[in-house]
């Protein structure tokens, strides 16, 4: 406004100098001064209507002259008085005369990572009956274009379903209210079941899946989505979408000790606690179905029977089913049968639990029995003592039977050993008989061979003598054999006793005789002469 007043003063001075240039003492100087005042005045006018916007700001224009706004409208779109829909961007803007406009600088908004911008429109068409959130826009940029928002016919006042993703935005705070809220983060080990409070209506077909009276709808539609969101980050409107977190990890429920152990009664009237453990899980596919039945399965509520805070899934499903299952199984058995049939009890309880959990779209790996505390009561202790005595007696009988069988086995073994030894000796004797028989046959064969050898040798010699006798005569053969015997030393021709005479007397003769006897071969050592047969003539 100051620049505008200065411009008026300069215009007046320029007019005066141009009309009466002599007032400045010189026409030329007066005209020059008038022109300068005119130019400066024009510049002042331009500067008075100019607005500069920084790059991190926006300019909100409020018009003070013009037609009145229509009823129930808060932002002008046709030049009416009041806040204008358009926002001035960075740089210089001219024509905003101070007497007709006021321009306010507003900050841009920055949506940080992990946040979303929730928008509420302060102007636009009213929401339809039953509508909670305005219809979604194709993009947030189109939504934040104030003039387009109000002139396209799509803009509705109230909460917007469209959200702002992380980033920086320039907007008109006279038209939109924006707040940053947390984005949806689904952690590992869970899924997010979405109940949409906005979106297009879904008309389920005749064969659509309906759980507990609630139809499951495709993602993006109004209602309970049939597909859960897996672990990750999602830019969803935190007010338009109700999120139910469902754990997909195994839930381990253990019931033991005096407070939580499952009490059962057998068919023979014994009541006793049983320690039980069961693992239950839900898949990501079945999580929406479970949510349709229990709403929020992991929500902690106070169990009226136990007077303890428990997750809804345990309070309404798991614990009642475990109690019912084990009580039903125990009613079909005696107390001792229940104790002795632990594996059968587990198998039957697992089978029944699986059938019941299917109605809730839950699964289980099995039901497991830990301690069966029948000895908690006096009647149970007496029953166990009776059973123990019976088992001891049976074990003793079995021990005696085992000892008897062991002795019988030992006797049989010794007998078998003796029979085996006798068989061994019999086999050895039989073998020796065979050996003797073979040795006798060998000696017989050897004797026969020797006899044949002697016979053949004798026959050969006889034939040789006959041939020799035929050649030299019988007397010649005898003489020849005699000489042969003498040469071989078989006939002694040297005197064995030498008698000499000397001065020594008879002692020398006796010594010589004894020496000769000792040197002469014995009769047994002399080989007999070969017989000489006279050839027959």
Protein backbone atom coordinates (compact mmCIF):
# COMPACT_ATOMS: atom_id res chain seq x y z
CA UNK A 1 0.00 0.00 0.00
CA UNK A 2 2.90 2.34 0.71
CA UNK A 3 4.28 1.81 -2.78
CA UNK A 4 0.88 2.56 -4.22
CA UNK A 5 0.65 5.88 -2.34
CA UNK A 6 4.19 6.69 -3.41
CA UNK A 7 3.19 5.96 -6.99
CA UNK A 8 0.25 8.41 -6.71
CA UNK A 9 2.56 11.13 -5.45
CA UNK A 10 5.00 10.46 -8.29
CA UNK A 11 2.21 10.55 -10.86
CA UNK A 12 1.06 13.95 -9.55
CA UNK A 13 4.62 15.31 -9.62
CA UNK A 14 5.19 13.97 -13.13
CA UNK A 15 2.00 15.60 -14.36
CA UNK A 16 2.95 18.93 -12.81
CA UNK A 17 6.44 18.86 -14.28
CA UNK A 18 5.26 17.86 -17.69
CA UNK A 19 2.56 20.52 -17.76
CA UNK A 20 4.72 23.32 -16.30
CA UNK A 21 8.34 22.40 -16.99
CA UNK A 22 9.40 25.99 -16.29
CA UNK A 23 8.75 25.39 -12.59
CA UNK A 24 12.00 23.44 -12.49
CA UNK A 25 13.93 26.51 -13.81
CA UNK A 26 14.43 24.93 -17.23
CA UNK A 27 11.96 23.36 -19.58
CA UNK A 28 14.27 20.56 -20.54
CA UNK A 29 15.14 19.78 -16.97
CA UNK A 30 11.47 20.00 -15.92
CA UNK A 31 10.37 17.61 -18.65
CA UNK A 32 13.15 15.16 -17.78
CA UNK A 33 12.17 15.24 -14.12
CA UNK A 34 8.53 14.68 -15.08
CA UNK A 35 9.42 11.67 -17.21
CA UNK A 36 11.52 10.19 -14.38
CA UNK A 37 8.68 10.67 -11.89
CA UNK A 38 6.28 9.03 -14.33
CA UNK A 39 8.53 6.02 -14.83
CA UNK A 40 9.20 5.62 -11.13
CA UNK A 41 5.48 5.92 -10.45
CA UNK A 42 4.70 3.23 -12.99
CA UNK A 43 7.37 1.00 -11.38
CA UNK A 44 5.91 1.66 -7.96
CA UNK A 45 2.47 0.67 -9.20
CA UNK A 46 3.82 -2.56 -10.63
CA UNK A 47 5.73 -3.31 -7.46
CA UNK A 48 2.64 -2.55 -5.40
CA UNK A 49 0.72 -5.35 -7.23
CA UNK A 50 3.61 -7.84 -7.24
CA UNK A 51 3.96 -10.84 -4.90
CA UNK A 52 7.06 -13.05 -4.57
CA UNK A 53 6.66 -16.66 -3.39
CA UNK A 54 9.60 -18.70 -2.09
CA UNK A 55 10.07 -22.26 -3.34
CA UNK A 56 9.05 -23.77 0.01
CA UNK A 57 5.95 -21.59 0.31
CA UNK A 58 2.60 -21.15 -1.32
CA UNK A 59 0.50 -18.06 -1.82
CA UNK A 60 -3.12 -18.04 -0.67
CA UNK A 61 -5.06 -15.21 -2.29
CA UNK A 62 -7.99 -13.56 -0.54
CA UNK A 63 -10.04 -11.18 -2.67
CA UNK A 64 -11.60 -8.21 -0.93
CA UNK A 65 -13.61 -6.86 -3.85
CA UNK A 66 -16.13 -8.75 -5.88
CA UNK A 67 -19.34 -10.72 -5.59
CA UNK A 68 -20.28 -12.53 -2.44
CA UNK A 69 -19.64 -16.26 -2.10
CA UNK A 70 -22.62 -18.57 -2.54
CA UNK A 71 -24.21 -19.95 0.58
CA UNK A 72 -22.25 -22.79 2.28
CA UNK A 73 -19.19 -22.14 0.13
CA UNK A 74 -15.90 -21.21 1.80
CA UNK A 75 -13.56 -20.96 -1.21
CA UNK A 76 -14.17 -18.87 -4.33
CA UNK A 77 -13.71 -20.23 -7.81
CA UNK A 78 -15.22 -17.45 -9.95
CA UNK A 79 -13.57 -14.33 -8.51
CA UNK A 80 -15.95 -13.93 -5.58
CA UNK A 81 -14.80 -12.28 -2.42
CA UNK A 82 -12.94 -14.49 -0.01
CA UNK A 83 -10.23 -17.17 -0.28
CA UNK A 84 -9.48 -18.21 -3.80
CA UNK A 85 -9.14 -21.86 -4.78
CA UNK A 86 -5.86 -21.45 -6.63
CA UNK A 87 -2.55 -21.35 -4.79
CA UNK A 88 0.31 -19.19 -6.06
CA UNK A 89 3.51 -21.09 -6.79
CA UNK A 90 7.15 -19.95 -6.39
CA UNK A 91 8.27 -16.75 -8.17
CA UNK A 92 6.86 -13.30 -8.98
CA UNK A 93 3.15 -12.70 -9.48
CA UNK A 94 1.69 -9.34 -10.63
CA UNK A 95 -1.74 -7.77 -10.65
CA UNK A 96 -2.67 -8.38 -7.05
CA UNK A 97 -3.54 -4.82 -6.12
CA UNK A 98 -3.39 -4.26 -2.43
CA UNK A 99 -6.83 -2.64 -2.31
CA UNK A 100 -8.39 -5.73 -4.00
CA UNK A 101 -6.29 -8.66 -2.83
CA UNK A 102 -4.29 -9.89 0.12
CA UNK A 103 -1.79 -12.69 -0.34
CA UNK A 104 -0.70 -14.89 2.57
CA UNK A 105 2.39 -17.08 2.46
CA UNK A 106 1.81 -20.61 3.73
CA UNK A 107 4.28 -23.46 4.24
CA UNK A 108 4.30 -26.57 2.14
CA UNK A 109 3.70 -29.85 3.97
CA UNK A 110 6.17 -32.72 4.05
CA UNK A 111 5.00 -36.29 4.65
CA UNK A 112 7.84 -38.30 6.13
CA UNK A 113 8.66 -41.91 5.32
CA UNK A 114 6.40 -44.29 7.22
CA UNK A 115 3.59 -41.73 7.28
CA UNK A 116 0.62 -40.90 5.09
CA UNK A 117 -1.19 -37.60 4.66
CA UNK A 118 -4.86 -37.70 5.67
CA UNK A 119 -6.92 -35.03 3.89
CA UNK A 120 -10.17 -33.38 4.93
CA UNK A 121 -11.78 -31.07 2.35
CA UNK A 122 -13.46 -27.96 3.77
CA UNK A 123 -15.49 -27.26 0.65
CA UNK A 124 -17.11 -29.17 -2.18
CA UNK A 125 -20.20 -31.25 -2.75
CA UNK A 126 -21.69 -32.83 0.36
CA UNK A 127 -21.28 -36.56 0.92
CA UNK A 128 -24.19 -38.75 -0.06
CA UNK A 129 -26.37 -40.50 2.50
CA UNK A 130 -24.46 -43.35 4.10
CA UNK A 131 -21.16 -42.16 2.68
CA UNK A 132 -18.39 -41.77 5.27
CA UNK A 133 -15.46 -40.92 2.99
CA UNK A 134 -15.38 -39.08 -0.31
CA UNK A 135 -14.80 -41.08 -3.46
CA UNK A 136 -11.17 -41.77 -4.24
CA UNK A 137 -9.31 -39.67 -6.81
CA UNK A 138 -7.02 -41.01 -9.49
CA UNK A 139 -4.07 -39.11 -8.02
CA UNK A 140 -3.40 -36.88 -5.05
CA UNK A 141 -2.07 -34.11 -7.35
CA UNK A 142 -5.46 -33.75 -9.01
CA UNK A 143 -7.13 -33.67 -5.62
CA UNK A 144 -4.87 -30.86 -4.32
CA UNK A 145 -5.61 -28.72 -7.39
CA UNK A 146 -8.19 -26.55 -5.63
CA UNK A 147 -9.89 -25.14 -8.71
CA UNK A 148 -10.15 -28.54 -10.37
CA UNK A 149 -11.38 -30.06 -7.13
CA UNK A 150 -14.24 -27.58 -6.96
CA UNK A 151 -15.08 -27.28 -10.65
CA UNK A 152 -14.85 -30.90 -11.83
CA UNK A 153 -17.94 -31.97 -9.93
CA UNK A 154 -16.00 -34.78 -8.26
CA UNK A 155 -14.78 -32.90 -5.21
CA UNK A 156 -16.69 -33.68 -2.02
CA UNK A 157 -16.26 -31.98 1.30
CA UNK A 158 -15.31 -34.09 4.28
CA UNK A 159 -12.76 -36.89 4.81
CA UNK A 160 -11.05 -37.95 1.62
CA UNK A 161 -10.31 -41.60 0.86
CA UNK A 162 -7.28 -40.54 -1.17
CA UNK A 163 -4.15 -40.13 0.94
CA UNK A 164 -0.80 -38.44 0.39
CA UNK A 165 2.23 -40.69 0.05
CA UNK A 166 5.57 -39.57 1.54
CA UNK A 167 6.81 -36.36 -0.13
CA UNK A 168 6.37 -32.56 -0.13
CA UNK A 169 3.12 -30.92 -1.23
CA UNK A 170 1.89 -27.36 -1.84
CA UNK A 171 -1.77 -27.00 -0.94
CA UNK A 172 -4.44 -24.49 0.01
CA UNK A 173 -5.00 -24.68 3.79
CA UNK A 174 -8.25 -22.69 3.34
CA UNK A 175 -9.58 -25.63 1.31
CA UNK A 176 -7.80 -28.67 2.76
CA UNK A 177 -6.78 -29.79 6.22
CA UNK A 178 -3.90 -32.29 6.09
CA UNK A 179 -2.45 -34.32 8.95
CA UNK A 180 0.32 -36.90 8.88
CA UNK A 181 -0.50 -40.30 10.36
CA UNK A 182 1.28 -43.62 10.56
CA UNK A 183 1.23 -45.88 7.53
CA UNK A 184 0.31 -49.54 7.94
CA UNK A 185 3.26 -51.82 8.67
CA UNK A 186 2.59 -55.57 8.78
CA UNK A 187 5.29 -57.34 10.74
CA UNK A 188 6.81 -60.77 10.19
CA UNK A 189 4.72 -63.50 11.77
CA UNK A 190 1.40 -61.79 11.18
CA UNK A 191 -1.02 -60.69 8.48
CA UNK A 192 -3.42 -57.77 8.35
CA UNK A 193 -7.10 -58.45 7.77
CA UNK A 194 -8.76 -55.34 6.32
CA UNK A 195 -12.31 -54.18 7.01
CA UNK A 196 -12.88 -51.35 4.51
CA UNK A 197 -15.30 -48.64 5.60
CA UNK A 198 -15.17 -47.03 2.16
CA UNK A 199 -15.01 -48.12 -1.42
CA UNK A 200 -17.35 -49.41 -4.09
CA UNK A 201 -20.09 -51.79 -3.04
CA UNK A 202 -19.59 -55.45 -3.93
CA UNK A 203 -22.56 -57.52 -4.98
CA UNK A 204 -21.68 -61.10 -4.08
CA UNK A 205 -22.84 -63.85 -6.43
CA UNK A 206 -25.12 -66.63 -5.28
CA UNK A 207 -22.20 -68.94 -4.51
CA UNK A 208 -20.16 -66.28 -2.70
CA UNK A 209 -18.37 -67.32 0.48
CA UNK A 210 -20.19 -65.99 3.53
CA UNK A 211 -18.65 -66.47 6.97
CA UNK A 212 -20.76 -65.88 10.04
CA UNK A 213 -23.15 -63.84 7.89
CA UNK A 214 -20.33 -61.69 6.51
CA UNK A 215 -19.45 -61.94 2.81
CA UNK A 216 -15.78 -61.78 1.89
CA UNK A 217 -15.15 -59.15 -0.81
CA UNK A 218 -12.26 -58.52 -3.22
CA UNK A 219 -9.52 -56.08 -2.24
CA UNK A 220 -10.50 -52.41 -2.71
CA UNK A 221 -14.23 -52.92 -2.11
CA UNK A 222 -16.36 -51.98 0.85
CA UNK A 223 -16.43 -54.74 3.46
CA UNK A 224 -14.15 -57.49 4.76
CA UNK A 225 -11.42 -58.26 2.23
CA UNK A 226 -11.00 -61.92 1.39
CA UNK A 227 -7.22 -61.52 1.02
CA UNK A 228 -5.11 -60.55 4.01
CA UNK A 229 -2.12 -58.23 3.61
CA UNK A 230 1.19 -60.02 3.99
CA UNK A 231 4.20 -58.59 5.89
CA UNK A 232 5.29 -55.24 4.45
CA UNK A 233 4.41 -51.51 4.44
CA UNK A 234 1.14 -50.20 2.97
CA UNK A 235 -0.11 -46.65 2.37
CA UNK A 236 -3.67 -47.08 3.55
CA UNK A 237 -6.00 -44.55 5.07
CA UNK A 238 -5.80 -45.34 8.80
CA UNK A 239 -9.35 -44.11 9.40
CA UNK A 240 -10.99 -45.63 6.33
CA UNK A 241 -9.60 -49.13 6.80
CA UNK A 242 -9.95 -51.05 10.02
CA UNK A 243 -6.93 -53.31 10.49
CA UNK A 244 -7.08 -56.60 12.40
CA UNK A 245 -3.66 -58.10 13.00
CA UNK A 246 -3.70 -61.89 13.08
CA UNK A 247 -0.63 -63.84 14.15
CA UNK A 248 0.30 -66.64 11.75
CA UNK A 249 2.93 -68.14 14.03
CA UNK A 250 2.09 -71.21 16.08
CA UNK A 251 0.21 -70.49 19.26
CA UNK A 252 1.33 -72.87 22.00
CA UNK A 253 -1.18 -73.37 24.80
CA UNK A 254 -0.06 -75.29 27.88
CA UNK A 255 -2.48 -76.23 30.63
CA UNK A 256 -0.81 -77.60 33.72
CA UNK A 257 -0.49 -77.11 37.48
CA UNK A 258 -3.41 -76.98 39.84
CA UNK A 259 -5.02 -73.93 38.22
CA UNK A 260 -4.88 -74.74 34.52
CA UNK A 261 -4.67 -78.54 34.27
CA UNK A 262 -7.67 -80.13 32.55
CA UNK A 263 -9.76 -82.06 35.09
CA UNK A 264 -11.45 -85.19 33.74
CA UNK A 265 -13.57 -88.02 35.15
CA UNK A 266 -13.11 -91.62 34.02
CA UNK A 267 -15.97 -94.03 33.44
CA UNK A 268 -15.18 -95.80 36.73
CA UNK A 269 -15.66 -92.54 38.65
CA UNK A 270 -12.12 -91.33 39.27
CA UNK A 271 -11.50 -87.58 38.88
CA UNK A 272 -7.98 -86.33 38.21
CA UNK A 273 -6.09 -83.48 36.45
CA UNK A 274 -4.26 -83.92 33.15
CA UNK A 275 -1.46 -81.63 31.90
CA UNK A 276 -2.07 -80.83 28.23
CA UNK A 277 -0.23 -78.93 25.51
CA UNK A 278 -1.72 -77.98 22.14
CA UNK A 279 -0.32 -75.99 19.20
CA UNK A 280 -2.78 -74.01 17.06
CA UNK A 281 -2.10 -71.93 13.95
CA UNK A 282 -3.98 -70.04 11.26
CA UNK A 283 -2.77 -69.53 7.71
CA UNK A 284 -2.71 -66.20 5.91
CA UNK A 285 -5.41 -67.54 3.61
CA UNK A 286 -7.74 -68.39 6.49
CA UNK A 287 -7.05 -65.28 8.59
CA UNK A 288 -9.98 -63.26 7.08
CA UNK A 289 -12.34 -66.17 7.80
CA UNK A 290 -11.18 -66.36 11.41
CA UNK A 291 -11.62 -62.58 11.73
CA UNK A 292 -15.15 -62.90 10.35
CA UNK A 293 -15.93 -65.29 13.23
CA UNK A 294 -14.02 -63.74 16.14
CA UNK A 295 -13.52 -60.15 14.88
CA UNK A 296 -10.11 -59.73 16.58
CA UNK A 297 -8.77 -63.20 17.51
CA UNK A 298 -5.72 -61.95 19.42
CA UNK A 299 -7.55 -59.31 21.40
CA UNK A 300 -7.13 -59.92 25.13
CA UNK A 301 -10.40 -60.20 27.03
CA UNK A 302 -11.29 -61.31 30.52
CA UNK A 303 -12.38 -64.92 30.62
CA UNK A 304 -15.45 -65.14 32.82
CA UNK A 305 -14.88 -68.74 33.86
CA UNK A 306 -11.18 -68.43 34.65
CA UNK A 307 -11.40 -64.78 35.74
CA UNK A 308 -8.16 -64.20 33.86
CA UNK A 309 -7.28 -62.04 30.82
CA UNK A 310 -6.90 -64.34 27.81
CA UNK A 311 -6.70 -63.86 24.04
CA UNK A 312 -10.11 -64.12 22.48
CA UNK A 313 -9.13 -67.15 20.40
CA UNK A 314 -8.04 -69.02 23.53
CA UNK A 315 -10.96 -67.92 25.68
CA UNK A 316 -13.66 -68.70 23.10
CA UNK A 317 -12.17 -71.54 21.08
CA UNK A 318 -9.08 -73.39 22.28
CA UNK A 319 -9.68 -73.74 26.01
CA UNK A 320 -13.35 -74.81 25.76
CA UNK A 321 -12.52 -77.35 23.03
CA UNK A 322 -9.62 -78.83 25.03
CA UNK A 323 -11.79 -79.26 28.09
CA UNK A 324 -14.65 -80.82 26.16
CA UNK A 325 -12.38 -83.12 24.16
CA UNK A 326 -10.52 -84.61 27.13
CA UNK A 327 -13.65 -85.00 29.22
CA UNK A 328 -15.35 -86.85 26.39
CA UNK A 329 -12.34 -89.13 25.87
CA UNK A 330 -11.96 -89.85 29.60
CA UNK A 331 -15.60 -90.91 29.89
CA UNK A 332 -14.93 -93.84 27.57
CA UNK A 333 -12.05 -95.30 29.64
CA UNK A 334 -11.29 -96.44 33.13
CA UNK A 335 -8.70 -94.47 35.05
CA UNK A 336 -6.02 -97.13 34.58
CA UNK A 337 -6.86 -97.44 30.89
CA UNK A 338 -6.48 -93.68 30.53
CA UNK A 339 -3.04 -93.83 32.13
CA UNK A 340 -1.89 -96.88 30.19
CA UNK A 341 -3.22 -95.56 26.85
CA UNK A 342 -1.49 -92.19 26.69
CA UNK A 343 -0.72 -92.46 22.97
CA UNK A 344 -4.27 -93.56 22.20
CA UNK A 345 -5.64 -90.66 24.23
CA UNK A 346 -3.41 -88.20 22.36
CA UNK A 347 -4.44 -89.63 18.98
CA UNK A 348 -8.15 -89.48 19.80
CA UNK A 349 -7.90 -85.98 21.28
CA UNK A 350 -5.94 -84.76 18.24
CA UNK A 351 -8.54 -86.20 15.89
CA UNK A 352 -11.41 -84.53 17.70
CA UNK A 353 -9.61 -81.19 18.04
CA UNK A 354 -8.83 -81.09 14.33
CA UNK A 355 -12.45 -81.70 13.45
CA UNK A 356 -13.64 -78.97 15.80
CA UNK A 357 -10.98 -76.44 14.82
CA UNK A 358 -11.97 -76.75 11.16
CA UNK A 359 -15.14 -74.83 12.00
CA UNK A 360 -12.95 -71.89 12.99
CA UNK A 361 -10.50 -72.34 10.07
CA UNK A 362 -7.72 -73.26 12.50
CA UNK A 363 -5.17 -76.06 12.36
CA UNK A 364 -3.24 -78.05 14.93
CA UNK A 365 -0.15 -80.24 14.85
CA UNK A 366 -1.51 -82.34 17.66
CA UNK A 367 -2.59 -82.53 21.26
CA UNK A 368 -0.02 -83.84 23.73
CA UNK A 369 -0.46 -85.22 27.23
CA UNK A 370 2.19 -84.56 29.86
CA UNK A 371 1.44 -85.60 33.44
CA UNK A 372 -1.65 -87.61 34.38
CA UNK A 373 -1.92 -86.89 38.07
CA UNK A 374 -4.20 -89.65 39.27
CA UNK A 375 -2.38 -89.67 42.61
CA UNK A 376 -3.75 -86.23 43.50
CA UNK A 377 -6.61 -87.90 45.45
CA UNK A 378 -6.62 -90.66 48.09
CA UNK A 379 -8.77 -92.87 45.88
CA UNK A 380 -6.35 -92.42 43.04
CA UNK A 381 -3.38 -93.24 45.27
CA UNK A 382 -5.08 -96.45 46.44
CA UNK A 383 -5.84 -97.42 42.84
CA UNK A 384 -2.25 -96.79 41.80
CA UNK A 385 -0.95 -98.79 44.80
CA UNK A 386 -3.14 -101.75 43.80
CA UNK A 387 -1.92 -101.50 40.26
CA UNK A 388 1.67 -101.26 41.48
CA UNK A 389 1.33 -104.41 43.62
CA UNK A 390 -0.21 -106.25 40.70
CA UNK A 391 2.60 -105.19 38.43
CA UNK A 392 5.21 -106.27 41.00
CA UNK A 393 3.59 -109.69 41.31
CA UNK A 394 3.39 -110.10 37.57
CA UNK A 395 6.99 -109.03 37.22
CA UNK A 396 8.08 -111.56 39.85
CA UNK A 397 6.21 -114.32 38.04
CA UNK A 398 7.82 -113.27 34.83
CA UNK A 399 11.21 -113.23 36.55
CA UNK A 400 10.74 -116.79 37.86
CA UNK A 401 9.55 -117.94 34.47
CA UNK A 402 12.54 -116.32 32.86
CA UNK A 403 14.89 -118.03 35.33
CA UNK A 404 13.25 -121.38 34.65
CA UNK A 405 13.53 -120.89 30.93
CA UNK A 406 17.15 -119.84 31.40
CA UNK A 407 17.99 -123.03 33.33
CA UNK A 408 16.21 -125.17 30.77
CA UNK A 409 18.07 -123.42 28.02
CA UNK A 410 21.36 -123.93 29.88
CA UNK A 411 20.68 -127.67 30.32
CA UNK A 412 19.80 -127.99 26.67
CA UNK A 413 22.98 -126.16 25.78
CA UNK A 414 25.16 -128.45 27.93
CA UNK A 415 23.51 -131.53 26.47
CA UNK A 416 24.09 -130.19 23.01
CA UNK A 417 27.72 -129.52 23.88
CA UNK A 418 28.22 -133.12 25.10
CA UNK A 419 26.52 -134.56 22.04
CA UNK A 420 28.68 -132.38 19.87
CA UNK A 421 31.83 -133.62 21.65
CA UNK A 422 30.78 -137.25 21.22
CA UNK A 423 30.03 -136.64 17.60
CA UNK A 424 33.45 -135.08 17.24
CA UNK A 425 35.17 -138.10 18.85
CA UNK A 426 33.12 -140.50 16.73
CA UNK A 427 34.10 -138.62 13.63
CA UNK A 428 37.77 -138.68 14.68
CA UNK A 429 37.64 -142.47 15.31
CA UNK A 430 35.96 -143.05 11.97
CA UNK A 431 38.63 -141.00 10.34
CA UNK A 432 41.39 -142.95 12.08
CA UNK A 433 39.85 -146.22 10.85
CA UNK A 434 39.91 -144.91 7.36
CA UNK A 435 43.50 -143.78 7.82
CA UNK A 436 44.57 -147.22 9.14
CA UNK A 437 42.82 -148.97 6.29
CA UNK A 438 44.57 -146.75 3.81
CA UNK A 439 47.91 -147.26 5.56
CA UNK A 440 47.43 -151.06 5.49
CA UNK A 441 46.62 -150.92 1.82
CA UNK A 442 49.72 -148.78 1.30
CA UNK A 443 51.94 -151.28 3.15
CA UNK A 444 50.39 -154.17 1.26
CA UNK A 445 51.03 -152.42 -2.00
CA UNK A 446 54.58 -151.66 -0.90
CA UNK A 447 55.21 -155.31 0.09
CA UNK A 448 53.79 -156.56 -3.19
CA UNK A 449 56.01 -154.13 -5.03
CA UNK A 450 59.08 -155.25 -3.05
CA UNK A 451 58.29 -158.92 -3.68
CA UNK A 452 57.89 -158.33 -7.37
CA UNK A 453 61.14 -156.35 -7.34
CA UNK A 454 63.03 -159.19 -5.64
CA UNK A 455 61.51 -161.75 -7.96
CA UNK A 456 62.31 -159.78 -11.05
CA UNK A 457 65.84 -159.05 -9.78
CA UNK A 458 66.47 -162.72 -8.97
CA UNK A 459 65.15 -163.79 -12.34
CA UNK A 460 67.41 -161.25 -14.00
CA UNK A 461 70.45 -162.48 -12.10
CA UNK A 462 69.59 -166.08 -12.88
CA UNK A 463 69.39 -165.31 -16.52
CA UNK A 464 72.68 -163.42 -16.25
CA UNK A 465 74.44 -166.35 -14.57
CA UNK A 466 73.04 -168.74 -17.11
CA UNK A 467 74.31 -166.61 -19.91
CA UNK A 468 77.72 -166.29 -18.20
CA UNK A 469 77.90 -170.01 -17.47
CA UNK A 470 77.10 -170.72 -21.05
CA UNK A 471 80.02 -168.56 -22.02
CA UNK A 472 82.73 -169.52 -19.48
CA UNK A 473 81.32 -172.54 -17.83
CA UNK A 474 80.03 -173.21 -14.36
CA UNK A 475 83.49 -173.50 -12.81
CA UNK A 476 84.46 -170.21 -14.35
CA UNK A 477 81.42 -168.48 -12.97
CA UNK A 478 82.19 -169.86 -9.50
CA UNK A 479 85.74 -168.70 -9.66
CA UNK A 480 84.66 -165.27 -10.92
CA UNK A 481 82.17 -164.81 -8.12
CA UNK A 482 84.74 -165.95 -5.56
CA UNK A 483 87.25 -163.41 -6.75
CA UNK A 484 84.57 -160.72 -6.69
CA UNK A 485 83.68 -161.54 -3.12
CA UNK A 486 87.35 -161.47 -2.11
CA UNK A 487 87.78 -158.05 -3.78
CA UNK A 488 84.78 -156.69 -1.97
CA UNK A 489 86.18 -157.93 1.35
CA UNK A 490 83.43 -160.40 1.92
CA UNK A 491 85.86 -163.36 2.20
CA UNK A 492 88.81 -163.06 4.62
CA UNK A 493 92.01 -164.50 3.22
CA UNK A 494 94.47 -162.63 5.50
CA UNK A 495 95.38 -164.52 8.73
CA UNK A 496 93.79 -163.03 11.84
CA UNK A 497 96.24 -164.60 14.35
CA UNK A 498 99.90 -164.04 14.11
CA UNK A 499 102.16 -166.11 16.32
CA UNK A 500 105.61 -164.74 16.90
CA UNK A 501 108.33 -165.47 19.27
CA UNK A 502 110.23 -162.86 21.18
CA UNK A 503 111.58 -162.05 24.49
CA UNK A 504 108.22 -160.61 25.50
CA UNK A 505 106.71 -163.98 26.16
CA UNK A 506 103.15 -164.86 25.72
CA UNK A 507 101.90 -161.32 26.40
CA UNK A 508 102.82 -160.11 22.92
CA UNK A 509 101.06 -162.99 21.25
CA UNK A 510 97.92 -162.43 23.27
CA UNK A 511 97.85 -158.71 22.48
CA UNK A 512 98.22 -159.35 18.79
CA UNK A 513 95.43 -161.85 18.82
CA UNK A 514 93.08 -159.40 20.57
CA UNK A 515 94.00 -156.61 18.17
CA UNK A 516 93.34 -158.76 15.17
CA UNK A 517 89.92 -159.73 16.51
CA UNK A 518 88.99 -156.15 16.99
CA UNK A 519 89.95 -155.17 13.42
CA UNK A 520 88.23 -158.13 11.73
CA UNK A 521 84.67 -157.59 10.50
CA UNK A 522 81.93 -159.47 12.33
CA UNK A 523 79.94 -162.18 10.67
CA UNK A 524 76.87 -160.03 10.68
CA UNK A 525 78.70 -157.27 8.83
CA UNK A 526 80.02 -159.55 6.11
CA UNK A 527 77.67 -159.74 3.19
CA UNK A 528 76.76 -163.28 2.11
CA UNK A 529 78.07 -164.46 -1.18
CA UNK A 530 75.63 -164.62 -4.00
CA UNK A 531 74.48 -168.17 -4.64
CA UNK A 532 75.81 -169.80 -7.67
CA UNK A 533 73.49 -172.06 -9.43
CA UNK A 534 74.85 -174.63 -11.73
CA UNK A 535 73.28 -174.39 -15.06
CA UNK A 536 71.41 -177.43 -16.14
CA UNK A 537 72.78 -179.24 -18.95
